[in-house]
Amino acid sequence: QVQLVESGGGLVQPGGSLRLSCVASGILFGSQTFHWYRQAPGRQRDWVGHITPSGNTNYIDSVKGRFTISRDNAKNMVYHQMNNLKPDDTAVYYCKSQPTNSWGRGTQVTVSS
């Protein structure tokens, strides 16, 4: 059974940083692309970025230069370093694996002074 569990969310002031983690089990980790999505209250769930099995990354324009996705295949972990956070980054952040299309339950990120 595939399971993804996110952690690392919290409350941070504008300009601050957080590092989210996603641990995967029941999965051939090294063959998966991992995506991060986010969903703000009252809005649809939006794609933020991804990391391929080879380590290539891509991001939406609004987070380029601020967010970095990385992976540790030995630990079955995906990381999402978020710097210079803005109030508009407030959302529940989700990890998703592809091609298994499994989702975690999300972790709340709140950016507020």
Protein backbone atom coordinates (compact mmCIF):
# COMPACT_ATOMS: atom_id res chain seq x y z
CA GLN A 1 0.00 0.00 0.00
CA VAL A 2 1.41 3.33 -1.08
CA GLN A 3 1.54 5.95 1.64
CA LEU A 4 2.79 9.54 1.49
CA VAL A 5 3.08 11.63 4.64
CA GLU A 6 3.89 15.33 4.61
CA SER A 7 5.32 17.28 7.53
CA GLY A 8 7.06 20.54 8.31
CA GLY A 9 4.25 23.03 7.91
CA GLY A 10 3.52 25.78 10.38
CA LEU A 11 3.10 29.48 10.96
CA VAL A 12 5.84 31.76 9.65
CA GLN A 13 6.20 35.49 9.16
CA PRO A 14 6.50 37.00 5.68
CA GLY A 15 10.04 36.61 4.45
CA GLY A 16 10.57 33.51 6.53
CA SER A 17 11.40 29.95 5.49
CA LEU A 18 10.01 26.47 5.96
CA ARG A 19 11.14 23.06 4.79
CA LEU A 20 8.42 20.56 4.04
CA SER A 21 9.11 16.86 3.92
CA CYS A 22 7.28 13.98 2.27
CA VAL A 23 8.12 10.42 3.24
CA ALA A 24 6.94 7.64 0.95
CA SER A 25 6.38 3.96 1.69
CA GLY A 26 5.09 1.01 -0.27
CA ILE A 27 6.49 2.47 -3.45
CA LEU A 28 9.41 2.09 -5.86
CA PHE A 29 10.67 5.48 -4.77
CA GLY A 30 13.46 5.94 -7.28
CA SER A 31 11.16 5.52 -10.27
CA GLN A 32 8.63 8.15 -9.18
CA THR A 33 8.24 11.77 -10.06
CA PHE A 34 7.07 13.71 -7.01
CA HIS A 35 4.88 16.77 -7.25
CA TRP A 36 3.99 19.40 -4.73
CA TYR A 37 0.56 20.98 -4.91
CA ARG A 38 -1.11 23.55 -2.71
CA GLN A 39 -4.67 24.51 -1.95
CA ALA A 40 -5.66 27.81 -0.39
CA PRO A 41 -9.04 28.19 1.34
CA GLY A 42 -11.84 28.41 -1.19
CA ARG A 43 -9.54 27.75 -4.13
CA GLN A 44 -8.67 24.78 -6.29
CA ARG A 45 -5.61 22.66 -5.71
CA ASP A 46 -2.75 24.01 -7.82
CA TRP A 47 0.48 22.44 -8.95
CA VAL A 48 3.58 24.10 -7.50
CA GLY A 49 6.49 22.04 -8.77
CA HIS A 50 7.98 18.62 -9.27
CA ILE A 51 11.16 16.58 -9.21
CA THR A 52 11.79 13.74 -11.63
CA PRO A 53 13.60 10.46 -10.88
CA SER A 54 16.78 11.98 -12.33
CA GLY A 55 16.46 15.06 -10.12
CA ASN A 56 15.23 17.54 -12.69
CA THR A 57 12.87 20.14 -11.26
CA ASN A 58 10.29 22.56 -12.53
CA TYR A 59 8.17 25.17 -10.78
CA ILE A 60 5.39 27.63 -11.34
CA ASP A 61 6.68 31.10 -12.11
CA SER A 62 5.50 32.65 -8.84
CA VAL A 63 7.80 30.45 -6.74
CA LYS A 64 10.86 30.24 -8.99
CA GLY A 65 13.92 31.38 -7.10
CA ARG A 66 12.16 30.94 -3.76
CA PHE A 67 11.17 27.27 -3.63
CA THR A 68 13.45 24.27 -4.14
CA ILE A 69 12.41 20.64 -4.37
CA SER A 70 14.94 17.91 -3.67
CA ARG A 71 14.93 14.20 -2.97
CA ASP A 72 16.89 11.63 -1.02
CA ASN A 73 16.32 8.25 -2.62
CA ALA A 74 18.15 6.43 0.17
CA LYS A 75 15.64 7.75 2.71
CA ASN A 76 12.51 7.73 0.51
CA MET A 77 12.20 11.43 1.25
CA VAL A 78 11.22 14.45 -0.82
CA TYR A 79 11.91 17.95 0.48
CA HIS A 80 10.39 21.29 -0.36
CA GLN A 81 12.48 24.22 0.82
CA MET A 82 10.47 27.42 0.77
CA ASN A 83 12.23 30.74 1.28
CA ASN A 84 11.06 34.34 1.28
CA LEU A 85 7.53 33.19 2.00
CA LYS A 86 4.64 35.51 1.22
CA PRO A 87 1.07 35.64 2.55
CA ASP A 88 -0.12 34.34 -0.84
CA ASP A 89 1.82 31.14 -0.17
CA THR A 90 -0.61 30.28 2.63
CA ALA A 91 -2.20 26.94 1.77
CA VAL A 92 -2.28 23.26 2.55
CA TYR A 93 0.65 21.67 0.73
CA TYR A 94 0.35 18.18 -0.70
CA CYS A 95 2.83 15.66 -2.02
CA LYS A 96 1.86 13.45 -4.93
CA SER A 97 3.67 10.58 -6.60
CA GLN A 98 3.57 9.80 -10.28
CA PRO A 99 2.88 7.37 -11.96
CA THR A 100 1.22 5.84 -8.89
CA ASN A 101 -0.95 8.97 -8.46
CA SER A 102 -0.94 8.73 -4.68
CA TRP A 103 -1.53 11.74 -2.45
CA GLY A 104 -0.56 12.63 1.08
CA ARG A 105 -2.96 14.30 3.49
CA GLY A 106 -1.19 17.62 3.35
CA THR A 107 0.49 20.00 5.75
CA GLN A 108 -0.70 23.51 6.54
CA VAL A 109 1.54 26.47 5.77
CA THR A 110 0.43 29.86 7.08
CA VAL A 111 2.36 33.01 6.28
CA SER A 112 1.25 35.88 8.44
CA SER A 113 2.62 38.63 10.62
